[in-house]
Amino acid sequence: MHELTFANKIIEDARKQGDVIRIEVEVGDLAHLPASDLKDALCELVDWKIEVVEKKGWVKCPCGFEGEPEILDKKHDYTLFQCPKCGAIPEIIDGEEIILKEVEVKD
């Protein structure tokens, strides 16, 4: 499962900080998997408090549009989106990453 690869990498990176009790992960709207899938995978693997924050996607289109794309479909391992102004496939500026934002460890 694709989400387990991401979850294991996040867990590995978090454990480098110490005895983890909580993490916050940011998942972009245009990332490789839905935020809920990643959260479910993380919850299966560890008993930490897990917060997943969704970040809006940001695109730039040759038609001049810059902003949030129209997301047509989002499933495991793909996101189908277009420019809401002209329907073309715009360039992704932001919102396609999965980032470990915070790690809280025991004192």
N, C-alpha and C. Protein backbone atom coordinates (compact mmCIF):
# COMPACT_ATOMS: atom_id res chain seq x y z
N MET A 1 0.84 -1.18 0.00
CA MET A 1 0.00 0.00 0.00
C MET A 1 0.89 1.24 0.00
N HIS A 2 0.56 2.16 -0.86
CA HIS A 2 1.33 3.38 -1.05
C HIS A 2 1.38 4.25 0.20
N GLU A 3 0.27 4.34 0.91
CA GLU A 3 0.23 5.19 2.11
C GLU A 3 1.14 4.67 3.20
N LEU A 4 1.39 3.36 3.25
CA LEU A 4 2.28 2.80 4.26
C LEU A 4 3.73 3.24 4.03
N THR A 5 4.12 3.42 2.79
CA THR A 5 5.46 3.92 2.48
C THR A 5 5.63 5.32 3.05
N PHE A 6 4.67 6.19 2.79
CA PHE A 6 4.71 7.55 3.32
C PHE A 6 4.66 7.54 4.85
N ALA A 7 3.77 6.73 5.41
CA ALA A 7 3.61 6.68 6.87
C ALA A 7 4.90 6.20 7.54
N ASN A 8 5.52 5.17 7.00
CA ASN A 8 6.76 4.66 7.60
C ASN A 8 7.88 5.68 7.54
N LYS A 9 7.98 6.45 6.46
CA LYS A 9 9.00 7.49 6.36
C LYS A 9 8.76 8.59 7.39
N ILE A 10 7.52 8.99 7.56
CA ILE A 10 7.17 10.02 8.55
C ILE A 10 7.50 9.52 9.96
N ILE A 11 7.15 8.28 10.25
CA ILE A 11 7.44 7.70 11.56
C ILE A 11 8.95 7.65 11.81
N GLU A 12 9.69 7.23 10.81
CA GLU A 12 11.16 7.16 10.92
C GLU A 12 11.75 8.55 11.21
N ASP A 13 11.29 9.54 10.47
CA ASP A 13 11.79 10.91 10.67
C ASP A 13 11.41 11.45 12.05
N ALA A 14 10.19 11.17 12.50
CA ALA A 14 9.74 11.65 13.80
C ALA A 14 10.54 11.01 14.93
N ARG A 15 10.82 9.73 14.82
CA ARG A 15 11.54 9.02 15.89
C ARG A 15 12.97 9.54 16.06
N LYS A 16 13.50 10.17 15.07
CA LYS A 16 14.84 10.76 15.18
C LYS A 16 14.87 11.89 16.21
N GLN A 17 13.67 12.41 16.54
CA GLN A 17 13.57 13.54 17.48
C GLN A 17 13.49 13.09 18.94
N GLY A 18 13.24 11.80 19.17
CA GLY A 18 13.14 11.31 20.55
C GLY A 18 11.95 10.40 20.73
N ASP A 19 11.44 10.36 21.98
CA ASP A 19 10.30 9.51 22.34
C ASP A 19 9.01 10.26 21.98
N VAL A 20 8.49 9.99 20.83
CA VAL A 20 7.39 10.75 20.24
C VAL A 20 6.06 10.47 20.94
N ILE A 21 5.29 11.57 21.15
CA ILE A 21 3.92 11.42 21.67
C ILE A 21 2.89 12.05 20.74
N ARG A 22 3.34 12.99 19.89
CA ARG A 22 2.41 13.65 18.96
C ARG A 22 3.17 14.12 17.73
N ILE A 23 2.48 14.05 16.57
CA ILE A 23 3.03 14.63 15.34
C ILE A 23 1.94 15.41 14.62
N GLU A 24 2.39 16.36 13.83
CA GLU A 24 1.50 17.08 12.92
C GLU A 24 2.07 16.93 11.52
N VAL A 25 1.22 16.51 10.61
CA VAL A 25 1.62 16.29 9.23
C VAL A 25 0.74 17.16 8.33
N GLU A 26 1.38 17.84 7.39
CA GLU A 26 0.65 18.66 6.41
C GLU A 26 0.57 17.88 5.10
N VAL A 27 -0.64 17.77 4.57
CA VAL A 27 -0.86 17.04 3.33
C VAL A 27 -1.54 17.98 2.33
N GLY A 28 -0.88 18.21 1.23
CA GLY A 28 -1.43 19.09 0.20
C GLY A 28 -2.59 18.44 -0.55
N ASP A 29 -3.52 19.26 -0.99
CA ASP A 29 -4.67 18.78 -1.77
C ASP A 29 -4.23 18.01 -3.02
N LEU A 30 -3.06 18.36 -3.55
CA LEU A 30 -2.58 17.75 -4.78
C LEU A 30 -1.52 16.67 -4.53
N ALA A 31 -1.39 16.23 -3.28
CA ALA A 31 -0.43 15.19 -2.91
C ALA A 31 -0.83 13.85 -3.51
N HIS A 32 0.07 12.87 -3.36
CA HIS A 32 -0.12 11.56 -3.96
C HIS A 32 -1.23 10.72 -3.33
N LEU A 33 -1.69 11.12 -2.15
CA LEU A 33 -2.77 10.37 -1.53
C LEU A 33 -3.61 11.28 -0.66
N PRO A 34 -4.84 10.91 -0.44
CA PRO A 34 -5.71 11.71 0.42
C PRO A 34 -5.20 11.76 1.86
N ALA A 35 -5.42 12.88 2.51
CA ALA A 35 -4.99 13.07 3.89
C ALA A 35 -5.58 12.00 4.81
N SER A 36 -6.81 11.63 4.58
CA SER A 36 -7.46 10.63 5.43
C SER A 36 -6.79 9.26 5.31
N ASP A 37 -6.33 8.90 4.11
CA ASP A 37 -5.63 7.62 3.93
C ASP A 37 -4.32 7.61 4.71
N LEU A 38 -3.60 8.73 4.67
CA LEU A 38 -2.34 8.81 5.39
C LEU A 38 -2.57 8.74 6.90
N LYS A 39 -3.57 9.46 7.37
CA LYS A 39 -3.87 9.44 8.81
C LYS A 39 -4.24 8.04 9.26
N ASP A 40 -5.06 7.35 8.49
CA ASP A 40 -5.44 5.98 8.84
C ASP A 40 -4.21 5.07 8.92
N ALA A 41 -3.29 5.21 7.98
CA ALA A 41 -2.08 4.38 7.97
C ALA A 41 -1.22 4.68 9.19
N LEU A 42 -1.05 5.96 9.50
CA LEU A 42 -0.26 6.34 10.67
C LEU A 42 -0.87 5.80 11.96
N CYS A 43 -2.18 5.90 12.08
CA CYS A 43 -2.88 5.42 13.28
C CYS A 43 -2.76 3.90 13.44
N GLU A 44 -2.64 3.17 12.34
CA GLU A 44 -2.45 1.72 12.41
C GLU A 44 -1.07 1.34 12.91
N LEU A 45 -0.09 2.21 12.65
CA LEU A 45 1.31 1.87 12.93
C LEU A 45 1.83 2.35 14.28
N VAL A 46 1.28 3.45 14.79
CA VAL A 46 1.76 4.00 16.06
C VAL A 46 0.57 4.46 16.90
N ASP A 47 0.82 4.62 18.20
CA ASP A 47 -0.25 5.08 19.09
C ASP A 47 -0.07 6.54 19.51
N TRP A 48 0.63 7.31 18.71
CA TRP A 48 0.83 8.72 18.98
C TRP A 48 -0.45 9.50 18.67
N LYS A 49 -0.51 10.72 19.19
CA LYS A 49 -1.57 11.63 18.76
C LYS A 49 -1.14 12.14 17.38
N ILE A 50 -2.02 12.01 16.42
CA ILE A 50 -1.68 12.37 15.04
C ILE A 50 -2.65 13.41 14.53
N GLU A 51 -2.10 14.54 14.13
CA GLU A 51 -2.89 15.61 13.53
C GLU A 51 -2.47 15.74 12.07
N VAL A 52 -3.45 15.69 11.20
CA VAL A 52 -3.19 15.85 9.78
C VAL A 52 -3.90 17.12 9.32
N VAL A 53 -3.12 18.05 8.81
CA VAL A 53 -3.64 19.33 8.35
C VAL A 53 -3.61 19.33 6.82
N GLU A 54 -4.72 19.67 6.21
CA GLU A 54 -4.78 19.72 4.76
C GLU A 54 -4.40 21.12 4.27
N LYS A 55 -3.58 21.17 3.23
CA LYS A 55 -3.15 22.43 2.64
C LYS A 55 -3.75 22.53 1.24
N LYS A 56 -4.33 23.68 0.94
CA LYS A 56 -4.93 23.89 -0.36
C LYS A 56 -3.88 23.88 -1.46
N GLY A 57 -4.26 23.35 -2.59
CA GLY A 57 -3.38 23.39 -3.76
C GLY A 57 -3.39 24.78 -4.38
N TRP A 58 -2.29 25.11 -5.07
CA TRP A 58 -2.16 26.40 -5.73
C TRP A 58 -1.53 26.14 -7.10
N VAL A 59 -2.17 26.66 -8.15
CA VAL A 59 -1.71 26.40 -9.51
C VAL A 59 -1.61 27.69 -10.31
N LYS A 60 -0.90 27.58 -11.44
CA LYS A 60 -0.79 28.69 -12.38
C LYS A 60 -1.03 28.13 -13.77
N CYS A 61 -1.95 28.78 -14.48
CA CYS A 61 -2.36 28.30 -15.80
C CYS A 61 -1.88 29.27 -16.89
N PRO A 62 -1.59 28.76 -18.08
CA PRO A 62 -1.22 29.64 -19.19
C PRO A 62 -2.30 30.68 -19.55
N CYS A 63 -3.55 30.42 -19.16
CA CYS A 63 -4.62 31.37 -19.44
C CYS A 63 -4.54 32.61 -18.55
N GLY A 64 -3.66 32.56 -17.53
CA GLY A 64 -3.50 33.69 -16.62
C GLY A 64 -4.05 33.44 -15.23
N PHE A 65 -4.83 32.37 -15.07
CA PHE A 65 -5.38 32.05 -13.76
C PHE A 65 -4.28 31.61 -12.81
N GLU A 66 -4.35 32.09 -11.57
CA GLU A 66 -3.48 31.61 -10.50
C GLU A 66 -4.34 31.50 -9.25
N GLY A 67 -4.39 30.31 -8.67
CA GLY A 67 -5.19 30.08 -7.49
C GLY A 67 -5.45 28.61 -7.27
N GLU A 68 -6.53 28.30 -6.54
CA GLU A 68 -6.88 26.91 -6.26
C GLU A 68 -7.44 26.24 -7.50
N PRO A 69 -6.97 25.04 -7.80
CA PRO A 69 -7.50 24.33 -8.96
C PRO A 69 -8.87 23.73 -8.67
N GLU A 70 -9.54 23.34 -9.70
CA GLU A 70 -10.78 22.58 -9.55
C GLU A 70 -10.38 21.11 -9.50
N ILE A 71 -10.62 20.48 -8.37
CA ILE A 71 -10.27 19.06 -8.22
C ILE A 71 -11.47 18.24 -8.70
N LEU A 72 -11.24 17.47 -9.76
CA LEU A 72 -12.30 16.69 -10.37
C LEU A 72 -12.45 15.32 -9.70
N ASP A 73 -11.33 14.73 -9.29
CA ASP A 73 -11.35 13.41 -8.68
C ASP A 73 -10.07 13.22 -7.87
N LYS A 74 -10.19 12.62 -6.72
CA LYS A 74 -9.01 12.33 -5.89
C LYS A 74 -9.19 10.94 -5.32
N LYS A 75 -8.25 10.09 -5.66
CA LYS A 75 -8.28 8.73 -5.18
C LYS A 75 -6.87 8.36 -4.73
N HIS A 76 -6.74 7.16 -4.28
CA HIS A 76 -5.44 6.65 -3.86
C HIS A 76 -4.47 6.71 -5.03
N ASP A 77 -3.41 7.45 -4.88
CA ASP A 77 -2.30 7.55 -5.82
C ASP A 77 -2.53 8.49 -7.01
N TYR A 78 -3.61 9.26 -7.03
CA TYR A 78 -3.73 10.27 -8.08
C TYR A 78 -4.76 11.34 -7.72
N THR A 79 -4.56 12.52 -8.29
CA THR A 79 -5.51 13.62 -8.17
C THR A 79 -5.71 14.18 -9.57
N LEU A 80 -6.96 14.27 -9.98
CA LEU A 80 -7.30 14.82 -11.29
C LEU A 80 -7.84 16.23 -11.05
N PHE A 81 -7.18 17.22 -11.66
CA PHE A 81 -7.58 18.61 -11.45
C PHE A 81 -7.42 19.39 -12.75
N GLN A 82 -8.05 20.56 -12.77
CA GLN A 82 -7.96 21.43 -13.94
C GLN A 82 -8.08 22.88 -13.52
N CYS A 83 -7.78 23.77 -14.46
CA CYS A 83 -7.96 25.20 -14.24
C CYS A 83 -9.46 25.48 -14.18
N PRO A 84 -9.94 26.15 -13.14
CA PRO A 84 -11.37 26.44 -13.05
C PRO A 84 -11.82 27.50 -14.07
N LYS A 85 -10.87 28.20 -14.66
CA LYS A 85 -11.20 29.25 -15.62
C LYS A 85 -11.35 28.71 -17.04
N CYS A 86 -10.37 27.88 -17.47
CA CYS A 86 -10.38 27.45 -18.88
C CYS A 86 -10.44 25.94 -19.07
N GLY A 87 -10.24 25.17 -17.99
CA GLY A 87 -10.31 23.72 -18.09
C GLY A 87 -8.99 23.04 -18.47
N ALA A 88 -7.94 23.81 -18.69
CA ALA A 88 -6.64 23.23 -19.02
C ALA A 88 -5.98 22.65 -17.77
N ILE A 89 -4.91 21.90 -17.99
CA ILE A 89 -4.15 21.36 -16.86
C ILE A 89 -3.07 22.38 -16.50
N PRO A 90 -3.20 23.01 -15.33
CA PRO A 90 -2.25 24.05 -14.92
C PRO A 90 -0.99 23.48 -14.27
N GLU A 91 -0.01 24.33 -14.09
CA GLU A 91 1.23 23.99 -13.40
C GLU A 91 1.01 24.09 -11.90
N ILE A 92 1.49 23.10 -11.16
CA ILE A 92 1.36 23.12 -9.70
C ILE A 92 2.41 24.05 -9.12
N ILE A 93 1.96 24.99 -8.31
CA ILE A 93 2.85 25.91 -7.61
C ILE A 93 3.07 25.44 -6.17
N ASP A 94 2.01 24.97 -5.52
CA ASP A 94 2.10 24.55 -4.12
C ASP A 94 0.97 23.58 -3.82
N GLY A 95 1.16 22.78 -2.77
CA GLY A 95 0.09 21.91 -2.30
C GLY A 95 0.18 20.48 -2.78
N GLU A 96 1.36 20.03 -3.19
CA GLU A 96 1.51 18.64 -3.62
C GLU A 96 2.40 17.82 -2.68
N GLU A 97 2.82 18.44 -1.59
CA GLU A 97 3.77 17.78 -0.69
C GLU A 97 3.09 17.20 0.55
N ILE A 98 3.80 16.27 1.15
CA ILE A 98 3.44 15.72 2.45
C ILE A 98 4.61 16.04 3.36
N ILE A 99 4.36 16.83 4.41
CA ILE A 99 5.44 17.36 5.24
C ILE A 99 5.17 17.07 6.72
N LEU A 100 6.19 16.54 7.39
CA LEU A 100 6.14 16.40 8.84
C LEU A 100 6.42 17.78 9.42
N LYS A 101 5.40 18.42 9.97
CA LYS A 101 5.52 19.81 10.43
C LYS A 101 5.97 19.92 11.89
N GLU A 102 5.46 19.06 12.76
CA GLU A 102 5.79 19.15 14.18
C GLU A 102 5.94 17.76 14.78
N VAL A 103 6.84 17.66 15.73
CA VAL A 103 7.03 16.44 16.50
C VAL A 103 7.10 16.84 17.97
N GLU A 104 6.25 16.24 18.77
CA GLU A 104 6.28 16.47 20.21
C GLU A 104 6.81 15.21 20.88
N VAL A 105 7.81 15.38 21.73
CA VAL A 105 8.41 14.24 22.41
C VAL A 105 8.24 14.36 23.92
N LYS A 106 8.38 13.22 24.61
CA LYS A 106 8.32 13.23 26.06
C LYS A 106 9.54 13.97 26.61
N ASP A 107 9.34 14.67 27.72
CA ASP A 107 10.45 15.40 28.37
C ASP A 107 11.43 14.46 29.01
